[in-house]
Amino acid sequence: MKSMKYIALSAFLTLSAFCAVLYSCTKDECKDVVCQNGGTCAGGNCTCVLGYEGTRCETKSRDKFIGTYIGSEICTIGTDNYSITIATNSDNVKLTMTNLYNNTPVITATGSITTANTFSFSGTQSTITFSGTGTLTGNQLVVAYTITDGASTNSCTFTGNK
């Protein structure tokens, strides 16, 4: 009779220990998640480093900016209609913007991705200094910037569509 109690007690303790281990374990939500390009997993989702996006950080943010935008520009001094072209750069978080301000000589600016849909740029070309930001919403690009030629400063906003 005592042996039956010990068997029952042993079975009960074994079952209790098994249940405690089974219910105390937490599932690793990142076990099967592979984040690319330096992204990290938290809670089953990838957090991407600057310049990358997508569910697994597989897409370069700058790629959606690439193309030619035809539009108009309003400045504190004058208005104009022209196009800006954005191309890739050898750096994954940078892009090259050509024809800023529709000037001769052509102004080319190198921009750096700041968020998934924005970039900033600044530079000097000959005696012209410029700086600003670009924002992409769908196929519409808005570039707000200030340009100085040494004699005057002009603040402009270009709005164009791909």
N, C-alpha and C. Protein backbone atom coordinates (compact mmCIF):
# COMPACT_ATOMS: atom_id res chain seq x y z
N MET A 1 0.81 -1.18 0.00
CA MET A 1 0.00 0.00 0.00
C MET A 1 0.86 1.26 0.00
N LYS A 2 1.98 1.20 0.83
CA LYS A 2 2.87 2.36 0.86
C LYS A 2 3.52 2.58 -0.48
N SER A 3 3.84 1.53 -1.18
CA SER A 3 4.49 1.69 -2.48
C SER A 3 3.54 2.36 -3.48
N MET A 4 2.25 2.11 -3.35
CA MET A 4 1.28 2.74 -4.22
C MET A 4 1.24 4.25 -3.96
N LYS A 5 1.34 4.66 -2.70
CA LYS A 5 1.38 6.09 -2.34
C LYS A 5 2.62 6.74 -2.93
N TYR A 6 3.76 6.05 -2.82
CA TYR A 6 5.01 6.60 -3.35
C TYR A 6 4.97 6.72 -4.87
N ILE A 7 4.37 5.76 -5.51
CA ILE A 7 4.24 5.81 -6.98
C ILE A 7 3.33 6.96 -7.37
N ALA A 8 2.21 7.10 -6.68
CA ALA A 8 1.28 8.19 -6.97
C ALA A 8 1.92 9.55 -6.69
N LEU A 9 2.64 9.64 -5.55
CA LEU A 9 3.32 10.89 -5.21
C LEU A 9 4.41 11.21 -6.23
N SER A 10 5.17 10.22 -6.65
CA SER A 10 6.23 10.42 -7.65
C SER A 10 5.63 10.86 -8.98
N ALA A 11 4.54 10.25 -9.38
CA ALA A 11 3.87 10.62 -10.63
C ALA A 11 3.36 12.05 -10.55
N PHE A 12 2.75 12.39 -9.41
CA PHE A 12 2.23 13.74 -9.22
C PHE A 12 3.36 14.78 -9.28
N LEU A 13 4.46 14.52 -8.58
CA LEU A 13 5.60 15.45 -8.58
C LEU A 13 6.23 15.57 -9.96
N THR A 14 6.36 14.48 -10.68
CA THR A 14 6.92 14.50 -12.04
C THR A 14 6.02 15.30 -12.96
N LEU A 15 4.72 15.08 -12.88
CA LEU A 15 3.77 15.81 -13.71
C LEU A 15 3.79 17.29 -13.36
N SER A 16 3.86 17.62 -12.09
CA SER A 16 3.92 19.03 -11.65
C SER A 16 5.18 19.71 -12.18
N ALA A 17 6.31 19.03 -12.08
CA ALA A 17 7.57 19.60 -12.57
C ALA A 17 7.51 19.82 -14.07
N PHE A 18 6.95 18.86 -14.80
CA PHE A 18 6.82 18.98 -16.26
C PHE A 18 5.94 20.18 -16.63
N CYS A 19 4.80 20.32 -15.94
CA CYS A 19 3.88 21.44 -16.21
C CYS A 19 4.53 22.77 -15.89
N ALA A 20 5.27 22.85 -14.81
CA ALA A 20 5.94 24.09 -14.41
C ALA A 20 6.94 24.51 -15.48
N VAL A 21 7.71 23.57 -15.99
CA VAL A 21 8.69 23.87 -17.04
C VAL A 21 7.98 24.27 -18.32
N LEU A 22 6.93 23.54 -18.70
CA LEU A 22 6.20 23.79 -19.93
C LEU A 22 5.58 25.19 -19.93
N TYR A 23 4.95 25.59 -18.85
CA TYR A 23 4.25 26.87 -18.81
C TYR A 23 5.15 28.05 -18.45
N SER A 24 6.34 27.80 -17.94
CA SER A 24 7.22 28.91 -17.59
C SER A 24 8.08 29.35 -18.76
N CYS A 25 8.17 28.55 -19.81
CA CYS A 25 9.00 28.90 -20.96
C CYS A 25 8.28 29.94 -21.81
N THR A 26 9.03 30.91 -22.33
CA THR A 26 8.46 31.90 -23.23
C THR A 26 8.98 31.62 -24.64
N LYS A 27 8.13 31.85 -25.61
CA LYS A 27 8.47 31.62 -27.00
C LYS A 27 9.40 32.73 -27.50
N ASP A 28 10.46 32.36 -28.21
CA ASP A 28 11.37 33.33 -28.81
C ASP A 28 10.75 33.80 -30.12
N GLU A 29 10.15 35.00 -30.11
CA GLU A 29 9.46 35.52 -31.28
C GLU A 29 10.40 35.86 -32.43
N CYS A 30 11.69 35.97 -32.14
CA CYS A 30 12.68 36.32 -33.17
C CYS A 30 13.43 35.10 -33.70
N LYS A 31 13.05 33.90 -33.22
CA LYS A 31 13.78 32.68 -33.58
C LYS A 31 13.90 32.50 -35.10
N ASP A 32 12.81 32.69 -35.83
CA ASP A 32 12.81 32.45 -37.27
C ASP A 32 12.81 33.75 -38.09
N VAL A 33 13.10 34.88 -37.45
CA VAL A 33 13.12 36.17 -38.14
C VAL A 33 14.56 36.53 -38.48
N VAL A 34 14.81 36.77 -39.76
CA VAL A 34 16.15 37.17 -40.20
C VAL A 34 16.07 38.59 -40.73
N CYS A 35 16.66 39.53 -40.00
CA CYS A 35 16.70 40.93 -40.42
C CYS A 35 17.97 41.15 -41.24
N GLN A 36 17.83 41.82 -42.37
CA GLN A 36 18.96 42.05 -43.26
C GLN A 36 19.58 43.42 -43.03
N ASN A 37 20.72 43.64 -43.62
CA ASN A 37 21.40 44.94 -43.67
C ASN A 37 21.57 45.61 -42.31
N GLY A 38 21.88 44.83 -41.30
CA GLY A 38 22.14 45.38 -39.97
C GLY A 38 20.92 45.59 -39.10
N GLY A 39 19.75 45.19 -39.57
CA GLY A 39 18.53 45.32 -38.78
C GLY A 39 18.54 44.35 -37.61
N THR A 40 17.75 44.67 -36.59
CA THR A 40 17.66 43.82 -35.41
C THR A 40 16.21 43.45 -35.15
N CYS A 41 16.02 42.29 -34.54
CA CYS A 41 14.67 41.79 -34.27
C CYS A 41 14.30 42.07 -32.82
N ALA A 42 13.07 42.54 -32.62
CA ALA A 42 12.50 42.74 -31.29
C ALA A 42 11.02 42.41 -31.38
N GLY A 43 10.57 41.48 -30.57
CA GLY A 43 9.15 41.12 -30.55
C GLY A 43 8.67 40.52 -31.86
N GLY A 44 9.56 39.93 -32.64
CA GLY A 44 9.18 39.31 -33.90
C GLY A 44 9.22 40.24 -35.09
N ASN A 45 9.56 41.52 -34.88
CA ASN A 45 9.62 42.50 -35.97
C ASN A 45 11.02 43.07 -36.10
N CYS A 46 11.40 43.40 -37.33
CA CYS A 46 12.72 43.97 -37.57
C CYS A 46 12.69 45.48 -37.37
N THR A 47 13.73 45.98 -36.72
CA THR A 47 13.99 47.41 -36.62
C THR A 47 15.18 47.67 -37.52
N CYS A 48 14.98 48.49 -38.55
CA CYS A 48 16.00 48.70 -39.57
C CYS A 48 16.92 49.86 -39.20
N VAL A 49 18.17 49.76 -39.67
CA VAL A 49 19.11 50.86 -39.52
C VAL A 49 18.76 51.93 -40.54
N LEU A 50 19.22 53.14 -40.31
CA LEU A 50 18.96 54.26 -41.21
C LEU A 50 19.39 53.90 -42.63
N GLY A 51 18.48 54.14 -43.57
CA GLY A 51 18.77 53.87 -44.97
C GLY A 51 18.13 52.60 -45.51
N TYR A 52 17.51 51.82 -44.62
CA TYR A 52 16.85 50.58 -45.04
C TYR A 52 15.44 50.51 -44.47
N GLU A 53 14.58 49.79 -45.16
CA GLU A 53 13.20 49.62 -44.72
C GLU A 53 12.67 48.30 -45.26
N GLY A 54 11.44 47.98 -44.91
CA GLY A 54 10.81 46.73 -45.32
C GLY A 54 10.65 45.82 -44.12
N THR A 55 9.85 44.77 -44.28
CA THR A 55 9.59 43.87 -43.15
C THR A 55 10.85 43.19 -42.66
N ARG A 56 11.84 43.01 -43.52
CA ARG A 56 13.11 42.36 -43.14
C ARG A 56 14.30 43.27 -43.43
N CYS A 57 14.05 44.59 -43.58
CA CYS A 57 15.11 45.59 -43.85
C CYS A 57 15.82 45.28 -45.17
N GLU A 58 15.06 44.79 -46.14
CA GLU A 58 15.63 44.34 -47.40
C GLU A 58 15.70 45.43 -48.47
N THR A 59 15.09 46.59 -48.25
CA THR A 59 14.99 47.63 -49.26
C THR A 59 15.78 48.87 -48.86
N LYS A 60 16.55 49.41 -49.80
CA LYS A 60 17.25 50.68 -49.57
C LYS A 60 16.21 51.80 -49.65
N SER A 61 16.14 52.62 -48.63
CA SER A 61 15.16 53.72 -48.60
C SER A 61 15.33 54.66 -49.78
N ARG A 62 16.56 54.92 -50.19
CA ARG A 62 16.82 55.90 -51.25
C ARG A 62 16.29 55.46 -52.60
N ASP A 63 16.09 54.13 -52.81
CA ASP A 63 15.70 53.65 -54.13
C ASP A 63 14.38 54.23 -54.61
N LYS A 64 13.47 54.52 -53.70
CA LYS A 64 12.17 55.06 -54.13
C LYS A 64 12.27 56.51 -54.61
N PHE A 65 13.37 57.20 -54.26
CA PHE A 65 13.59 58.58 -54.71
C PHE A 65 14.10 58.65 -56.14
N ILE A 66 14.71 57.59 -56.64
CA ILE A 66 15.40 57.60 -57.93
C ILE A 66 14.42 57.90 -59.06
N GLY A 67 14.77 58.89 -59.91
CA GLY A 67 13.94 59.25 -61.05
C GLY A 67 14.02 60.73 -61.35
N THR A 68 13.23 61.15 -62.34
CA THR A 68 13.16 62.55 -62.74
C THR A 68 11.82 63.12 -62.32
N TYR A 69 11.86 64.28 -61.69
CA TYR A 69 10.66 64.95 -61.19
C TYR A 69 10.47 66.25 -61.96
N ILE A 70 9.33 66.37 -62.60
CA ILE A 70 9.00 67.57 -63.36
C ILE A 70 8.06 68.40 -62.51
N GLY A 71 8.42 69.69 -62.34
CA GLY A 71 7.59 70.51 -61.47
C GLY A 71 7.87 71.98 -61.55
N SER A 72 7.43 72.67 -60.53
CA SER A 72 7.59 74.12 -60.48
C SER A 72 8.22 74.51 -59.15
N GLU A 73 8.79 75.68 -59.17
CA GLU A 73 9.50 76.17 -58.00
C GLU A 73 9.05 77.59 -57.68
N ILE A 74 8.83 77.84 -56.40
CA ILE A 74 8.50 79.18 -55.93
C ILE A 74 9.62 79.61 -54.99
N CYS A 75 10.22 80.75 -55.28
CA CYS A 75 11.31 81.28 -54.46
C CYS A 75 10.94 82.66 -53.95
N THR A 76 11.69 83.14 -52.97
CA THR A 76 11.46 84.51 -52.51
C THR A 76 11.78 85.49 -53.62
N ILE A 77 12.67 85.10 -54.53
CA ILE A 77 13.00 85.91 -55.70
C ILE A 77 12.74 85.06 -56.95
N GLY A 78 11.51 85.12 -57.50
CA GLY A 78 11.19 84.45 -58.75
C GLY A 78 10.57 83.07 -58.63
N THR A 79 10.10 82.59 -59.80
CA THR A 79 9.53 81.25 -59.93
C THR A 79 10.10 80.62 -61.19
N ASP A 80 9.94 79.29 -61.30
CA ASP A 80 10.49 78.60 -62.47
C ASP A 80 9.82 77.24 -62.62
N ASN A 81 9.82 76.69 -63.82
CA ASN A 81 9.36 75.34 -64.10
C ASN A 81 10.54 74.57 -64.69
N TYR A 82 10.84 73.41 -64.13
CA TYR A 82 11.96 72.61 -64.61
C TYR A 82 11.91 71.22 -64.00
N SER A 83 12.96 70.44 -64.20
CA SER A 83 12.99 69.09 -63.64
C SER A 83 14.26 68.87 -62.82
N ILE A 84 14.13 68.03 -61.81
CA ILE A 84 15.25 67.59 -60.97
C ILE A 84 15.38 66.08 -61.16
N THR A 85 16.61 65.62 -61.30
CA THR A 85 16.85 64.18 -61.43
C THR A 85 17.60 63.69 -60.19
N ILE A 86 17.12 62.59 -59.64
CA ILE A 86 17.78 61.97 -58.50
C ILE A 86 18.29 60.60 -58.93
N ALA A 87 19.58 60.36 -58.63
CA ALA A 87 20.24 59.10 -59.00
C ALA A 87 20.89 58.48 -57.77
N THR A 88 21.32 57.23 -57.92
CA THR A 88 22.00 56.54 -56.83
C THR A 88 23.38 57.15 -56.59
N ASN A 89 23.94 56.80 -55.47
CA ASN A 89 25.27 57.23 -55.08
C ASN A 89 26.00 55.97 -54.62
N SER A 90 27.31 55.99 -54.57
CA SER A 90 28.05 54.79 -54.16
C SER A 90 27.81 54.43 -52.69
N ASP A 91 27.36 55.39 -51.89
CA ASP A 91 27.03 55.16 -50.48
C ASP A 91 25.54 54.78 -50.41
N ASN A 92 25.20 53.71 -49.71
CA ASN A 92 23.82 53.20 -49.66
C ASN A 92 22.81 54.15 -49.05
N VAL A 93 23.24 55.12 -48.24
CA VAL A 93 22.29 56.06 -47.63
C VAL A 93 22.36 57.44 -48.27
N LYS A 94 23.00 57.54 -49.43
CA LYS A 94 23.11 58.82 -50.11
C LYS A 94 22.50 58.75 -51.50
N LEU A 95 22.17 59.92 -52.03
CA LEU A 95 21.66 60.04 -53.38
C LEU A 95 22.25 61.29 -54.01
N THR A 96 22.18 61.37 -55.33
CA THR A 96 22.72 62.51 -56.06
C THR A 96 21.58 63.22 -56.78
N MET A 97 21.41 64.50 -56.50
CA MET A 97 20.34 65.31 -57.08
C MET A 97 20.97 66.29 -58.08
N THR A 98 20.47 66.27 -59.32
CA THR A 98 21.02 67.11 -60.38
C THR A 98 19.98 68.12 -60.85
N ASN A 99 20.44 69.31 -61.12
CA ASN A 99 19.67 70.44 -61.65
C ASN A 99 18.92 71.22 -60.58
N LEU A 100 19.44 71.23 -59.37
CA LEU A 100 18.86 72.05 -58.31
C LEU A 100 18.92 73.51 -58.75
N TYR A 101 17.83 74.24 -58.62
CA TYR A 101 17.72 75.67 -58.92
C TYR A 101 17.69 75.98 -60.41
N ASN A 102 17.78 74.94 -61.27
CA ASN A 102 17.75 75.13 -62.72
C ASN A 102 18.77 76.18 -63.15
N ASN A 103 19.98 76.00 -62.69
CA ASN A 103 21.04 77.00 -62.84
C ASN A 103 22.05 76.59 -63.91
N THR A 104 22.77 77.59 -64.44
CA THR A 104 23.94 77.33 -65.27
C THR A 104 25.13 77.94 -64.57
N PRO A 105 26.15 77.18 -64.19
CA PRO A 105 26.28 75.74 -64.43
C PRO A 105 25.29 74.94 -63.57
N VAL A 106 25.03 73.72 -64.02
CA VAL A 106 24.09 72.83 -63.33
C VAL A 106 24.60 72.54 -61.92
N ILE A 107 23.71 72.68 -60.94
CA ILE A 107 24.06 72.40 -59.54
C ILE A 107 23.71 70.95 -59.22
N THR A 108 24.70 70.24 -58.72
CA THR A 108 24.52 68.85 -58.30
C THR A 108 24.76 68.77 -56.81
N ALA A 109 23.81 68.19 -56.09
CA ALA A 109 23.91 68.09 -54.63
C ALA A 109 23.87 66.62 -54.21
N THR A 110 24.65 66.29 -53.19
CA THR A 110 24.62 64.95 -52.60
C THR A 110 23.78 65.02 -51.34
N GLY A 111 22.76 64.18 -51.29
CA GLY A 111 21.87 64.15 -50.14
C GLY A 111 22.05 62.88 -49.33
N SER A 112 21.71 62.96 -48.06
CA SER A 112 21.77 61.79 -47.16
C SER A 112 20.38 61.50 -46.63
N ILE A 113 19.99 60.23 -46.67
CA ILE A 113 18.69 59.81 -46.15
C ILE A 113 18.63 60.14 -44.65
N THR A 114 17.53 60.78 -44.21
CA THR A 114 17.37 61.10 -42.79
C THR A 114 16.24 60.29 -42.16
N THR A 115 15.21 59.96 -42.94
CA THR A 115 14.16 59.03 -42.54
C THR A 115 13.78 58.26 -43.79
N ALA A 116 12.82 57.36 -43.69
CA ALA A 116 12.43 56.56 -44.86
C ALA A 116 11.96 57.41 -46.04
N ASN A 117 11.42 58.61 -45.77
CA ASN A 117 10.87 59.46 -46.84
C ASN A 117 11.51 60.84 -46.94
N THR A 118 12.63 61.06 -46.27
CA THR A 118 13.25 62.39 -46.32
C THR A 118 14.76 62.28 -46.48
N PHE A 119 15.34 63.34 -47.01
CA PHE A 119 16.79 63.45 -47.11
C PHE A 119 17.18 64.91 -46.87
N SER A 120 18.44 65.12 -46.53
CA SER A 120 18.96 66.48 -46.38
C SER A 120 20.21 66.60 -47.24
N PHE A 121 20.55 67.83 -47.59
CA PHE A 121 21.72 68.06 -48.42
C PHE A 121 22.30 69.44 -48.13
N SER A 122 23.55 69.60 -48.44
CA SER A 122 24.23 70.90 -48.36
C SER A 122 25.50 70.79 -49.17
N GLY A 123 25.98 71.94 -49.62
CA GLY A 123 27.22 71.91 -50.39
C GLY A 123 27.56 73.27 -50.96
N THR A 124 28.69 73.29 -51.62
CA THR A 124 29.16 74.49 -52.31
C THR A 124 29.66 74.07 -53.67
N GLN A 125 29.26 74.82 -54.67
CA GLN A 125 29.70 74.57 -56.04
C GLN A 125 30.08 75.92 -56.63
N SER A 126 31.35 76.08 -56.98
CA SER A 126 31.89 77.37 -57.40
C SER A 126 31.67 78.37 -56.27
N THR A 127 30.93 79.43 -56.51
CA THR A 127 30.67 80.44 -55.47
C THR A 127 29.25 80.29 -54.89
N ILE A 128 28.57 79.22 -55.25
CA ILE A 128 27.18 79.01 -54.83
C ILE A 128 27.14 78.04 -53.65
N THR A 129 26.46 78.44 -52.56
CA THR A 129 26.29 77.59 -51.38
C THR A 129 24.80 77.28 -51.24
N PHE A 130 24.49 76.04 -50.91
CA PHE A 130 23.09 75.63 -50.80
C PHE A 130 22.92 74.61 -49.68
N SER A 131 21.70 74.54 -49.13
CA SER A 131 21.34 73.52 -48.15
C SER A 131 19.83 73.41 -48.08
N GLY A 132 19.36 72.20 -47.75
CA GLY A 132 17.92 72.02 -47.66
C GLY A 132 17.54 70.59 -47.37
N THR A 133 16.25 70.31 -47.59
CA THR A 133 15.70 68.98 -47.35
C THR A 133 14.77 68.58 -48.49
N GLY A 134 14.60 67.29 -48.64
CA GLY A 134 13.66 66.76 -49.62
C GLY A 134 12.73 65.77 -48.95
N THR A 135 11.47 65.78 -49.36
CA THR A 135 10.47 64.88 -48.81
C THR A 135 9.70 64.23 -49.96
N LEU A 136 9.54 62.92 -49.88
CA LEU A 136 8.81 62.19 -50.91
C LEU A 136 7.51 61.66 -50.32
N THR A 137 6.39 61.99 -50.99
CA THR A 137 5.08 61.46 -50.62
C THR A 137 4.48 60.87 -51.89
N GLY A 138 4.42 59.54 -51.95
CA GLY A 138 3.97 58.89 -53.19
C GLY A 138 4.97 59.18 -54.30
N ASN A 139 4.52 59.80 -55.38
CA ASN A 139 5.41 60.19 -56.48
C ASN A 139 5.75 61.68 -56.48
N GLN A 140 5.37 62.38 -55.41
CA GLN A 140 5.62 63.82 -55.34
C GLN A 140 6.82 64.12 -54.46
N LEU A 141 7.75 64.88 -55.01
CA LEU A 141 8.95 65.31 -54.31
C LEU A 141 8.84 66.80 -54.00
N VAL A 142 9.09 67.16 -52.74
CA VAL A 142 9.16 68.56 -52.35
C VAL A 142 10.57 68.81 -51.82
N VAL A 143 11.26 69.76 -52.44
CA VAL A 143 12.61 70.13 -52.03
C VAL A 143 12.57 71.58 -51.57
N ALA A 144 12.86 71.78 -50.28
CA ALA A 144 12.90 73.14 -49.71
C ALA A 144 14.36 73.45 -49.40
N TYR A 145 14.84 74.59 -49.89
CA TYR A 145 16.26 74.88 -49.71
C TYR A 145 16.54 76.38 -49.78
N THR A 146 17.73 76.72 -49.35
CA THR A 146 18.24 78.08 -49.43
C THR A 146 19.51 78.04 -50.26
N ILE A 147 19.65 79.04 -51.13
CA ILE A 147 20.82 79.10 -52.01
C ILE A 147 21.39 80.51 -51.96
N THR A 148 22.72 80.59 -51.91
CA THR A 148 23.41 81.88 -51.82
C THR A 148 24.51 81.91 -52.87
N ASP A 149 24.58 83.04 -53.60
CA ASP A 149 25.64 83.18 -54.60
C ASP A 149 26.70 84.18 -54.17
N GLY A 150 26.69 84.57 -52.92
CA GLY A 150 27.65 85.55 -52.42
C GLY A 150 27.07 86.95 -52.40
N ALA A 151 26.18 87.25 -53.34
CA ALA A 151 25.57 88.58 -53.40
C ALA A 151 24.15 88.57 -52.85
N SER A 152 23.43 87.48 -53.06
CA SER A 152 22.04 87.40 -52.60
C SER A 152 21.72 85.99 -52.13
N THR A 153 20.68 85.90 -51.30
CA THR A 153 20.20 84.62 -50.80
C THR A 153 18.76 84.44 -51.25
N ASN A 154 18.43 83.23 -51.68
CA ASN A 154 17.10 82.93 -52.17
C ASN A 154 16.60 81.66 -51.48
N SER A 155 15.38 81.70 -50.95
CA SER A 155 14.76 80.53 -50.35
C SER A 155 13.72 79.99 -51.33
N CYS A 156 13.80 78.69 -51.63
CA CYS A 156 12.96 78.11 -52.68
C CYS A 156 12.30 76.82 -52.21
N THR A 157 11.16 76.51 -52.85
CA THR A 157 10.49 75.24 -52.67
C THR A 157 10.14 74.71 -54.06
N PHE A 158 10.73 73.58 -54.40
CA PHE A 158 10.44 72.89 -55.65
C PHE A 158 9.45 71.77 -55.34
N THR A 159 8.37 71.66 -56.15
CA THR A 159 7.41 70.58 -56.02
C THR A 159 7.29 69.92 -57.39
N GLY A 160 7.62 68.63 -57.45
CA GLY A 160 7.58 67.93 -58.74
C GLY A 160 7.05 66.52 -58.60
N ASN A 161 6.62 65.98 -59.71
CA ASN A 161 6.08 64.61 -59.76
C ASN A 161 6.90 63.75 -60.71
N LYS A 162 7.04 62.48 -60.31
CA LYS A 162 7.80 61.51 -61.12
C LYS A 162 6.98 61.10 -62.31
